[in-house]
């Protein structure tokens, strides 16, 4: 069973799962049976959306998920079987990737044409695994289309270090500026000290001079030294 294989590859046990084009719910049911914590579905067809919501009791939104903003809701796993024609599988997987949590896993059935430029661009910077499905896998569904199972893992960005980094040789320490009021007070205090010093000097200059004492050398000479 392909749906069960997808759920197993996604390792859905205890995780939140998104099925963005759920159809009649085969993949959603496989994820639920494999132990998913919750399964959310998007489905464009109104009859299928009603079936998913009312009969299978999945959280279901009747909408084209390609047009729905991701918002704050993301999922641990995305498991999907998108349409293949005109590179729709690539568009759907690229959009579903935006709904995935860091460290999350996306597993999708895609057209067996990995040489496509759009496909290579999709997987080039992602941790991925590609597995070819046997010919005739979808014969019971009325198609002989060749397909792959593509598994993509979203790596969590590295945590930023909270350690203080040493300043580089060219990096100067930050300058701390004093408040203008503090600077003004300091200037006033220095000016006041300067005024006091000048006043003391003026007093010294105005004071009468005392007679000079005889030099010590003369006193020594009189003593006969």
Protein backbone atom coordinates (compact mmCIF):
# COMPACT_ATOMS: atom_id res chain seq x y z
CA UNK A 1 0.00 0.00 0.00
CA UNK A 2 1.58 3.25 -1.21
CA UNK A 3 -0.23 5.45 1.32
CA UNK A 4 1.09 3.34 4.20
CA UNK A 5 4.61 3.55 2.74
CA UNK A 6 4.37 7.36 2.60
CA UNK A 7 3.25 7.53 6.25
CA UNK A 8 6.10 5.24 7.29
CA UNK A 9 8.70 7.34 5.43
CA UNK A 10 7.37 10.51 7.05
CA UNK A 11 7.58 8.92 10.53
CA UNK A 12 4.27 10.49 11.51
CA UNK A 13 3.91 8.87 14.96
CA UNK A 14 2.98 11.54 17.50
CA UNK A 15 3.31 14.35 14.93
CA UNK A 16 1.05 16.89 13.26
CA UNK A 17 0.43 16.08 9.60
CA UNK A 18 -0.80 18.09 6.61
CA UNK A 19 -2.30 16.47 3.50
CA UNK A 20 -2.67 19.44 1.12
CA UNK A 21 -4.66 17.70 -1.65
CA UNK A 22 -6.41 15.00 0.30
CA UNK A 23 -8.89 13.62 -2.25
CA UNK A 24 -10.94 10.85 -0.62
CA UNK A 25 -8.57 10.59 2.34
CA UNK A 26 -6.39 7.54 1.58
CA UNK A 27 -3.16 9.20 2.73
CA UNK A 28 -4.85 10.96 5.67
CA UNK A 29 -6.28 7.64 6.89
CA UNK A 30 -2.87 5.93 6.53
CA UNK A 31 -1.23 8.68 8.61
CA UNK A 32 -3.94 8.44 11.24
CA UNK A 33 -3.54 4.66 11.41
CA UNK A 34 0.25 5.04 11.71
CA UNK A 35 -0.16 7.09 14.90
CA UNK A 36 -0.19 10.74 13.81
CA UNK A 37 -1.14 13.15 16.58
CA UNK A 38 -3.38 15.14 14.20
CA UNK A 39 -4.15 15.22 10.48
CA UNK A 40 -5.23 18.40 8.65
CA UNK A 41 -6.49 18.34 5.09
CA UNK A 42 -6.99 20.75 2.19
CA UNK A 43 -9.32 19.67 -0.59
CA UNK A 44 -10.55 21.68 -3.56
CA UNK A 45 -13.39 19.35 -4.58
CA UNK A 46 -16.47 20.16 -2.45
CA UNK A 47 -17.76 16.57 -2.39
CA UNK A 48 -14.42 15.21 -1.22
CA UNK A 49 -14.04 18.02 1.32
CA UNK A 50 -17.45 17.16 2.80
CA UNK A 51 -16.52 13.48 2.93
CA UNK A 52 -13.24 14.24 4.75
CA UNK A 53 -14.92 16.53 7.25
CA UNK A 54 -18.23 14.82 7.97
CA UNK A 55 -17.51 11.13 7.42
CA UNK A 56 -13.81 10.78 8.23
CA UNK A 57 -13.78 13.62 10.79
CA UNK A 58 -10.52 15.20 9.69
CA UNK A 59 -9.78 18.90 10.15
CA UNK A 60 -10.59 19.90 6.57
CA UNK A 61 -10.51 23.19 4.69
CA UNK A 62 -12.34 23.39 1.39
CA UNK A 63 -9.79 25.47 -0.54
CA UNK A 64 -6.92 25.41 -3.00
CA UNK A 65 -3.99 25.33 -0.60
CA UNK A 66 -1.75 27.00 -3.21
CA UNK A 67 -3.68 30.22 -2.59
CA UNK A 68 -3.89 30.02 1.22
CA UNK A 69 -1.33 32.03 3.26
CA UNK A 70 0.67 29.85 5.65
CA UNK A 71 0.18 32.19 8.61
CA UNK A 72 1.45 30.87 11.93
CA UNK A 73 0.23 27.27 11.51
CA UNK A 74 2.93 24.79 10.48
CA UNK A 75 3.23 21.00 10.58
CA UNK A 76 5.78 18.37 11.53
CA UNK A 77 5.03 16.34 8.39
CA UNK A 78 3.52 16.94 4.98
CA UNK A 79 2.42 13.81 3.13
CA UNK A 80 0.98 14.31 -0.34
CA UNK A 81 0.09 13.04 -3.80
CA UNK A 82 -0.19 16.19 -5.94
CA UNK A 83 -1.32 16.42 -9.58
CA UNK A 84 1.47 15.81 -12.10
CA UNK A 85 0.47 17.67 -15.27
CA UNK A 86 2.37 20.80 -16.35
CA UNK A 87 4.83 20.58 -13.45
CA UNK A 88 2.01 20.95 -10.92
CA UNK A 89 3.73 18.43 -8.65
CA UNK A 90 6.76 20.72 -8.33
CA UNK A 91 4.59 23.78 -7.61
CA UNK A 92 2.57 21.90 -5.00
CA UNK A 93 5.62 20.48 -3.22
CA UNK A 94 7.40 23.86 -3.21
CA UNK A 95 4.33 25.47 -1.66
CA UNK A 96 3.84 22.63 0.85
CA UNK A 97 7.46 23.07 1.97
CA UNK A 98 6.44 26.48 3.39
CA UNK A 99 3.97 24.76 5.75
CA UNK A 100 6.67 22.55 7.25
CA UNK A 101 8.20 23.05 10.70
CA UNK A 102 12.00 23.13 11.12
CA UNK A 103 13.23 19.51 11.39
CA UNK A 104 10.04 18.48 9.59
CA UNK A 105 9.66 15.90 6.82
CA UNK A 106 7.82 16.16 3.50
CA UNK A 107 7.02 12.99 1.56
CA UNK A 108 5.42 13.29 -1.87
CA UNK A 109 4.59 11.19 -4.89
CA UNK A 110 5.99 13.00 -7.94
CA UNK A 111 6.31 12.42 -11.67
CA UNK A 112 9.23 10.19 -12.63
CA UNK A 113 11.18 12.84 -14.51
CA UNK A 114 13.91 13.96 -12.10
CA UNK A 115 15.89 15.53 -14.94
CA UNK A 116 13.43 18.46 -15.05
CA UNK A 117 15.10 21.77 -14.26
CA UNK A 118 12.26 22.76 -11.92
CA UNK A 119 12.62 19.47 -10.02
CA UNK A 120 16.39 19.85 -9.67
CA UNK A 121 15.94 23.41 -8.39
CA UNK A 122 13.40 22.15 -5.86
CA UNK A 123 15.73 19.60 -4.28
CA UNK A 124 19.17 21.17 -4.82
CA UNK A 125 19.53 22.80 -1.38
CA UNK A 126 17.50 20.27 0.61
CA UNK A 127 18.31 16.97 2.32
CA UNK A 128 16.46 14.53 0.09
CA UNK A 129 15.92 10.92 -0.88
CA UNK A 130 14.37 9.67 -4.13
CA UNK A 131 12.81 6.25 -4.60
CA UNK A 132 11.34 5.01 -7.87
CA UNK A 133 7.98 3.25 -7.65
CA UNK A 134 7.51 0.02 -9.61
CA UNK A 135 5.82 0.28 -13.02
CA UNK A 136 2.07 -0.20 -12.79
CA UNK A 137 1.83 0.99 -9.17
CA UNK A 138 -1.29 3.03 -10.02
CA UNK A 139 -2.79 0.58 -12.52
CA UNK A 140 -5.85 0.02 -10.30
CA UNK A 141 -6.47 3.76 -10.37
CA UNK A 142 -6.62 3.68 -14.16
CA UNK A 143 -3.18 5.10 -14.95
CA UNK A 144 0.20 3.67 -15.86
CA UNK A 145 2.04 6.87 -15.01
CA UNK A 146 5.57 6.38 -13.71
CA UNK A 147 6.22 7.99 -10.34
CA UNK A 148 8.77 8.62 -7.61
CA UNK A 149 8.55 8.97 -3.87
CA UNK A 150 10.52 12.05 -2.85
CA UNK A 151 11.42 12.64 0.80
CA UNK A 152 12.63 16.09 1.84
CA UNK A 153 13.82 17.08 5.30
CA UNK A 154 13.86 20.67 6.53
CA UNK A 155 16.92 21.21 8.66
CA UNK A 156 16.63 23.45 11.70
CA UNK A 157 18.73 26.62 11.41
CA UNK A 158 21.76 26.58 13.73
CA UNK A 159 21.14 28.32 17.06
CA UNK A 160 22.80 31.66 17.52
CA UNK A 161 25.52 31.70 20.17
CA UNK A 162 24.69 33.76 23.26
CA UNK A 163 28.38 33.92 24.21
CA UNK A 164 29.98 37.34 24.06
CA UNK A 165 32.33 37.43 21.11
CA UNK A 166 35.75 39.08 21.54
CA UNK A 167 36.09 42.40 19.79
CA UNK A 168 38.05 42.32 16.56
CA UNK A 169 41.34 44.24 16.47
CA UNK A 170 39.76 47.02 14.43
CA UNK A 171 36.66 47.24 16.57
CA UNK A 172 36.67 50.06 19.11
CA UNK A 173 34.79 49.86 22.41
CA UNK A 174 31.51 51.77 22.50
CA UNK A 175 31.75 55.42 23.54
CA UNK A 176 29.72 56.41 26.58
CA UNK A 177 28.53 60.01 26.52
CA UNK A 178 27.65 61.96 29.66
CA UNK A 179 24.41 63.85 30.00
CA UNK A 180 24.76 67.56 29.03
CA UNK A 181 23.64 68.69 32.52
CA UNK A 182 26.47 66.68 34.09
CA UNK A 183 28.99 68.24 31.71
CA UNK A 184 27.73 71.77 32.52
CA UNK A 185 28.03 71.16 36.26
CA UNK A 186 31.60 69.96 35.83
CA UNK A 187 32.51 73.02 33.75
CA UNK A 188 30.99 75.36 36.35
CA UNK A 189 32.94 73.63 39.12
CA UNK A 190 36.22 73.94 37.20
CA UNK A 191 35.53 77.60 36.45
CA UNK A 192 34.83 78.29 40.12
CA UNK A 193 38.13 76.65 41.11
CA UNK A 194 39.93 78.73 38.49
CA UNK A 195 38.35 81.96 39.85
CA UNK A 196 39.49 81.06 43.40
CA UNK A 197 43.06 80.42 42.23
CA UNK A 198 43.18 83.71 40.30
CA UNK A 199 41.79 85.61 43.30
CA UNK A 200 44.48 84.12 45.55
CA UNK A 201 47.19 85.12 43.07
CA UNK A 202 45.90 88.66 42.91
CA UNK A 203 45.95 88.88 46.71
CA UNK A 204 49.57 87.70 46.76
CA UNK A 205 50.58 90.30 44.16
CA UNK A 206 48.93 93.13 46.10
CA UNK A 207 50.53 92.16 49.44
CA UNK A 208 53.63 94.36 50.53
CA UNK A 209 56.98 92.65 49.97
CA UNK A 210 59.21 91.83 53.01
CA UNK A 211 62.95 92.82 52.93
CA UNK A 212 65.09 90.12 51.47
CA UNK A 213 67.23 88.18 53.87
CA UNK A 214 71.03 88.16 53.35
CA UNK A 215 71.99 85.24 51.20
CA UNK A 216 73.26 82.20 53.02
CA UNK A 217 76.54 82.30 51.15
CA UNK A 218 77.28 85.78 52.53
CA UNK A 219 76.53 84.62 56.08
CA UNK A 220 78.92 81.76 55.59
CA UNK A 221 81.56 84.14 54.25
CA UNK A 222 81.25 86.41 57.35
CA UNK A 223 81.75 83.32 59.48
CA UNK A 224 85.12 82.82 57.81
CA UNK A 225 84.30 79.74 55.91
